[in-house]
Amino acid sequence: MTTTLTPPSIDAALFRTVMAEFPTFVTVVTAPGPDGPIGCTANAVMSLSLDPPSIIVSLAERSRTALRVMEHGVFGVNVLTWRQRELTRQFATGEPCRRFDDVPYGRRHGVPMLDGAAAGVVCVLEQQISAHDHMLLIGRVVEATTGPEEAALIYHRNGQHTLRVRP
């Protein structure tokens, strides 16, 4: 049996408020570029599969980072720590060509990865799916690392938080 539903119009402000109740990690998605590394903050990141290890990242369709990922076929995801919280704004609103200014990073498989991140994965782009105003980037993880024993930065209720880690 097939049912046809007409979705009601949902107020964008209300939807944003509701989605802010979903705690998410604060990450910086990175990619190589012809003029240097590029990156942006993202909180729509999730694991997809353990076999093979894969993740999904959702970026705005017009994002320069998304365009570079699709162009180069590789990307990184860096989970920020509380000490890196200032990078959230830098990678969200800063001039794209200046976002890596004064940010220590190295390269893994040609992908810029932030030093000191709580965790990170390097991925090969396997699939891209256009969904409304975003691109879903499906990546196969080729390297995974953990960083310092520091709590990861979490976004919840329009603010940045961390969880107290108990021994």
C-alpha atoms as a PDB file:
ATOM      1  CA  MET A   1       0.000   0.000   0.000  1.00  0.00           C
ATOM      2  CA  THR A   2       1.367   3.410  -0.977  1.00  0.00           C
ATOM      3  CA  THR A   3       0.495   6.538   0.972  1.00  0.00           C
ATOM      4  CA  THR A   4       1.068  10.010  -0.347  1.00  0.00           C
ATOM      5  CA  LEU A   5       1.838  12.578   2.284  1.00  0.00           C
ATOM      6  CA  THR A   6       2.051  16.266   1.680  1.00  0.00           C
ATOM      7  CA  PRO A   7       4.551  17.613   4.174  1.00  0.00           C
ATOM      8  CA  PRO A   8       3.276  20.607   6.112  1.00  0.00           C
ATOM      9  CA  SER A   9       5.244  23.807   5.978  1.00  0.00           C
ATOM     10  CA  ILE A  10       7.572  23.946   8.983  1.00  0.00           C
ATOM     11  CA  ASP A  11       8.842  27.261  10.300  1.00  0.00           C
ATOM     12  CA  ALA A  12      12.614  27.437   9.640  1.00  0.00           C
ATOM     13  CA  ALA A  13      13.348  29.125  12.998  1.00  0.00           C
ATOM     14  CA  LEU A  14      11.432  26.439  14.877  1.00  0.00           C
ATOM     15  CA  PHE A  15      13.200  23.697  12.942  1.00  0.00           C
ATOM     16  CA  ARG A  16      16.593  25.232  13.778  1.00  0.00           C
ATOM     17  CA  THR A  17      15.635  25.402  17.480  1.00  0.00           C
ATOM     18  CA  VAL A  18      14.526  21.781  17.494  1.00  0.00           C
ATOM     19  CA  MET A  19      17.680  20.590  15.717  1.00  0.00           C
ATOM     20  CA  ALA A  20      19.830  22.484  18.252  1.00  0.00           C
ATOM     21  CA  GLU A  21      18.566  19.975  20.821  1.00  0.00           C
ATOM     22  CA  PHE A  22      20.506  17.226  19.036  1.00  0.00           C
ATOM     23  CA  PRO A  23      24.043  17.271  20.505  1.00  0.00           C
ATOM     24  CA  THR A  24      26.707  16.866  17.815  1.00  0.00           C
ATOM     25  CA  PHE A  25      30.482  16.937  17.657  1.00  0.00           C
ATOM     26  CA  VAL A  26      32.072  20.072  16.258  1.00  0.00           C
ATOM     27  CA  THR A  27      34.299  19.119  13.350  1.00  0.00           C
ATOM     28  CA  VAL A  28      36.382  20.776  10.686  1.00  0.00           C
ATOM     29  CA  VAL A  29      36.179  19.144   7.277  1.00  0.00           C
ATOM     30  CA  THR A  30      39.364  19.687   5.273  1.00  0.00           C
ATOM     31  CA  ALA A  31      40.491  19.171   1.703  1.00  0.00           C
ATOM     32  CA  PRO A  32      43.507  19.975  -0.445  1.00  0.00           C
ATOM     33  CA  GLY A  33      43.224  22.874  -2.844  1.00  0.00           C
ATOM     34  CA  PRO A  34      45.297  24.361  -5.643  1.00  0.00           C
ATOM     35  CA  ASP A  35      46.133  27.425  -3.527  1.00  0.00           C
ATOM     36  CA  GLY A  36      46.572  25.568  -0.243  1.00  0.00           C
ATOM     37  CA  PRO A  37      44.348  23.736   2.225  1.00  0.00           C
ATOM     38  CA  ILE A  38      40.693  24.555   2.592  1.00  0.00           C
ATOM     39  CA  GLY A  39      38.194  23.672   5.316  1.00  0.00           C
ATOM     40  CA  CYS A  40      34.938  24.475   7.051  1.00  0.00           C
ATOM     41  CA  THR A  41      33.139  23.626  10.262  1.00  0.00           C
ATOM     42  CA  ALA A  42      30.496  20.922  10.124  1.00  0.00           C
ATOM     43  CA  ASN A  43      28.326  19.206  12.680  1.00  0.00           C
ATOM     44  CA  ALA A  44      26.378  16.983  10.262  1.00  0.00           C
ATOM     45  CA  VAL A  45      28.884  14.116  10.293  1.00  0.00           C
ATOM     46  CA  MET A  46      28.072  10.499  11.061  1.00  0.00           C
ATOM     47  CA  SER A  47      29.428   7.013  10.702  1.00  0.00           C
ATOM     48  CA  LEU A  48      27.828   5.007   7.921  1.00  0.00           C
ATOM     49  CA  SER A  49      29.432   1.581   8.009  1.00  0.00           C
ATOM     50  CA  LEU A  50      32.036  -0.464   9.849  1.00  0.00           C
ATOM     51  CA  ASP A  51      32.611  -2.776   6.883  1.00  0.00           C
ATOM     52  CA  PRO A  52      33.973  -0.982   5.003  1.00  0.00           C
ATOM     53  CA  PRO A  53      34.672   1.893   7.421  1.00  0.00           C
ATOM     54  CA  SER A  54      32.682   4.796   5.959  1.00  0.00           C
ATOM     55  CA  ILE A  55      31.228   8.131   7.005  1.00  0.00           C
ATOM     56  CA  ILE A  56      28.770  10.708   5.690  1.00  0.00           C
ATOM     57  CA  VAL A  57      29.422  14.450   5.781  1.00  0.00           C
ATOM     58  CA  SER A  58      26.763  16.989   4.854  1.00  0.00           C
ATOM     59  CA  LEU A  59      28.046  20.296   3.475  1.00  0.00           C
ATOM     60  CA  ALA A  60      26.277  23.193   1.801  1.00  0.00           C
ATOM     61  CA  GLU A  61      26.133  22.548  -1.922  1.00  0.00           C
ATOM     62  CA  ARG A  62      27.940  25.808  -2.720  1.00  0.00           C
ATOM     63  CA  SER A  63      30.588  25.304  -0.058  1.00  0.00           C
ATOM     64  CA  ARG A  64      34.106  25.781  -1.398  1.00  0.00           C
ATOM     65  CA  THR A  65      35.191  22.851   0.747  1.00  0.00           C
ATOM     66  CA  ALA A  66      32.537  20.585  -0.802  1.00  0.00           C
ATOM     67  CA  LEU A  67      33.660  21.655  -4.269  1.00  0.00           C
ATOM     68  CA  ARG A  68      37.308  20.855  -3.445  1.00  0.00           C
ATOM     69  CA  VAL A  69      36.367  17.472  -1.989  1.00  0.00           C
ATOM     70  CA  MET A  70      34.512  16.597  -5.184  1.00  0.00           C
ATOM     71  CA  GLU A  71      37.383  17.921  -7.309  1.00  0.00           C
ATOM     72  CA  HIS A  72      40.189  16.100  -5.454  1.00  0.00           C
ATOM     73  CA  GLY A  73      38.273  13.015  -4.273  1.00  0.00           C
ATOM     74  CA  VAL A  74      39.677  13.081  -0.720  1.00  0.00           C
ATOM     75  CA  PHE A  75      38.815  14.812   2.545  1.00  0.00           C
ATOM     76  CA  GLY A  76      39.487  14.826   6.257  1.00  0.00           C
ATOM     77  CA  VAL A  77      37.260  15.192   9.289  1.00  0.00           C
ATOM     78  CA  ASN A  78      38.804  16.627  12.461  1.00  0.00           C
ATOM     79  CA  VAL A  79      36.906  16.441  15.778  1.00  0.00           C
ATOM     80  CA  LEU A  80      37.810  19.586  17.714  1.00  0.00           C
ATOM     81  CA  THR A  81      38.743  19.620  21.390  1.00  0.00           C
ATOM     82  CA  TRP A  82      37.583  22.215  23.894  1.00  0.00           C
ATOM     83  CA  ARG A  83      40.971  23.947  23.583  1.00  0.00           C
ATOM     84  CA  GLN A  84      40.363  24.339  19.832  1.00  0.00           C
ATOM     85  CA  ARG A  85      36.963  26.019  20.213  1.00  0.00           C
ATOM     86  CA  GLU A  86      38.182  29.280  18.635  1.00  0.00           C
ATOM     87  CA  LEU A  87      38.676  27.379  15.379  1.00  0.00           C
ATOM     88  CA  THR A  88      34.906  26.910  15.119  1.00  0.00           C
ATOM     89  CA  ARG A  89      34.356  30.532  14.137  1.00  0.00           C
ATOM     90  CA  GLN A  90      37.566  30.762  12.093  1.00  0.00           C
ATOM     91  CA  PHE A  91      36.541  27.842   9.886  1.00  0.00           C
ATOM     92  CA  ALA A  92      32.885  28.919   9.728  1.00  0.00           C
ATOM     93  CA  THR A  93      33.129  32.603   8.906  1.00  0.00           C
ATOM     94  CA  GLY A  94      36.713  33.460   8.094  1.00  0.00           C
ATOM     95  CA  GLU A  95      37.903  34.211   4.587  1.00  0.00           C
ATOM     96  CA  PRO A  96      38.229  30.734   3.023  1.00  0.00           C
ATOM     97  CA  CYS A  97      41.801  31.314   1.830  1.00  0.00           C
ATOM     98  CA  ARG A  98      42.844  32.446   5.348  1.00  0.00           C
ATOM     99  CA  ARG A  99      41.169  29.815   7.517  1.00  0.00           C
ATOM    100  CA  PHE A 100      44.396  27.871   8.008  1.00  0.00           C
ATOM    101  CA  ASP A 101      46.371  30.976   9.045  1.00  0.00           C
ATOM    102  CA  ASP A 102      48.213  30.237  12.315  1.00  0.00           C
ATOM    103  CA  VAL A 103      46.600  26.784  12.543  1.00  0.00           C
ATOM    104  CA  PRO A 104      49.085  23.936  13.004  1.00  0.00           C
ATOM    105  CA  TYR A 105      48.381  21.040  10.663  1.00  0.00           C
ATOM    106  CA  GLY A 106      50.054  18.212   8.834  1.00  0.00           C
ATOM    107  CA  ARG A 107      49.146  16.178   5.781  1.00  0.00           C
ATOM    108  CA  ARG A 108      47.999  12.592   5.686  1.00  0.00           C
ATOM    109  CA  HIS A 109      47.568  11.041   2.254  1.00  0.00           C
ATOM    110  CA  GLY A 110      47.721  14.590   0.885  1.00  0.00           C
ATOM    111  CA  VAL A 111      44.840  15.770   3.093  1.00  0.00           C
ATOM    112  CA  PRO A 112      45.383  18.626   5.573  1.00  0.00           C
ATOM    113  CA  MET A 113      44.656  17.384   9.119  1.00  0.00           C
ATOM    114  CA  LEU A 114      44.612  19.633  12.201  1.00  0.00           C
ATOM    115  CA  ASP A 115      47.217  19.015  14.879  1.00  0.00           C
ATOM    116  CA  GLY A 116      45.799  18.300  18.340  1.00  0.00           C
ATOM    117  CA  ALA A 117      42.304  17.248  17.240  1.00  0.00           C
ATOM    118  CA  ALA A 118      40.452  14.805  19.512  1.00  0.00           C
ATOM    119  CA  ALA A 119      40.103  12.436  16.563  1.00  0.00           C
ATOM    120  CA  GLY A 120      40.386  12.482  12.815  1.00  0.00           C
ATOM    121  CA  VAL A 121      39.693  10.439   9.729  1.00  0.00           C
ATOM    122  CA  VAL A 122      41.037  10.689   6.197  1.00  0.00           C
ATOM    123  CA  CYS A 123      38.616   9.561   3.524  1.00  0.00           C
ATOM    124  CA  VAL A 124      38.439   8.799  -0.162  1.00  0.00           C
ATOM    125  CA  LEU A 125      35.220  10.160  -1.674  1.00  0.00           C
ATOM    126  CA  GLU A 126      33.095   7.231  -2.836  1.00  0.00           C
ATOM    127  CA  GLN A 127      29.818   8.932  -3.578  1.00  0.00           C
ATOM    128  CA  GLN A 128      28.193  12.341  -3.555  1.00  0.00           C
ATOM    129  CA  ILE A 129      24.470  12.861  -3.326  1.00  0.00           C
ATOM    130  CA  SER A 130      22.728  16.165  -3.923  1.00  0.00           C
ATOM    131  CA  ALA A 131      20.011  16.626  -1.295  1.00  0.00           C
ATOM    132  CA  HIS A 132      18.138  19.938  -1.295  1.00  0.00           C
ATOM    133  CA  ASP A 133      20.724  22.674  -0.648  1.00  0.00           C
ATOM    134  CA  HIS A 134      23.415  20.269   0.615  1.00  0.00           C
ATOM    135  CA  MET A 135      25.777  17.602  -0.678  1.00  0.00           C
ATOM    136  CA  LEU A 136      26.066  14.316   1.170  1.00  0.00           C
ATOM    137  CA  LEU A 137      29.654  13.187   0.817  1.00  0.00           C
ATOM    138  CA  ILE A 138      30.191   9.493   1.463  1.00  0.00           C
ATOM    139  CA  GLY A 139      33.781   8.675   2.226  1.00  0.00           C
ATOM    140  CA  ARG A 140      35.659   5.450   2.788  1.00  0.00           C
ATOM    141  CA  VAL A 141      37.986   5.881   5.745  1.00  0.00           C
ATOM    142  CA  VAL A 142      41.609   5.129   4.844  1.00  0.00           C
ATOM    143  CA  GLU A 143      43.138   6.354   8.101  1.00  0.00           C
ATOM    144  CA  ALA A 144      41.756   7.015  11.581  1.00  0.00           C
ATOM    145  CA  THR A 145      43.592   8.636  14.484  1.00  0.00           C
ATOM    146  CA  THR A 146      42.872   9.733  18.025  1.00  0.00           C
ATOM    147  CA  GLY A 147      44.479  12.726  19.620  1.00  0.00           C
ATOM    148  CA  PRO A 148      45.156  13.963  23.122  1.00  0.00           C
ATOM    149  CA  GLU A 149      43.163  12.716  26.088  1.00  0.00           C
ATOM    150  CA  GLU A 150      40.926  15.773  25.943  1.00  0.00           C
ATOM    151  CA  ALA A 151      37.184  15.953  25.718  1.00  0.00           C
ATOM    152  CA  ALA A 152      35.725  16.664  22.310  1.00  0.00           C
ATOM    153  CA  LEU A 153      33.860  19.883  21.613  1.00  0.00           C
ATOM    154  CA  ILE A 154      30.100  19.423  21.385  1.00  0.00           C
ATOM    155  CA  TYR A 155      27.466  21.725  19.898  1.00  0.00           C
ATOM    156  CA  HIS A 156      24.129  21.787  21.780  1.00  0.00           C
ATOM    157  CA  ARG A 157      21.436  24.444  22.190  1.00  0.00           C
ATOM    158  CA  ASN A 158      23.342  26.910  20.023  1.00  0.00           C
ATOM    159  CA  GLY A 159      26.422  26.737  22.217  1.00  0.00           C
ATOM    160  CA  GLN A 160      29.693  24.879  22.585  1.00  0.00           C
ATOM    161  CA  HIS A 161      30.139  22.415  25.423  1.00  0.00           C
ATOM    162  CA  THR A 162      32.239  19.488  26.489  1.00  0.00           C
ATOM    163  CA  LEU A 163      31.467  16.426  28.512  1.00  0.00           C
ATOM    164  CA  ARG A 164      33.254  15.774  31.765  1.00  0.00           C
ATOM    165  CA  VAL A 165      35.353  12.693  31.237  1.00  0.00           C
ATOM    166  CA  ARG A 166      35.485  10.375  34.226  1.00  0.00           C
ATOM    167  CA  PRO A 167      38.378   7.978  34.757  1.00  0.00           C
END
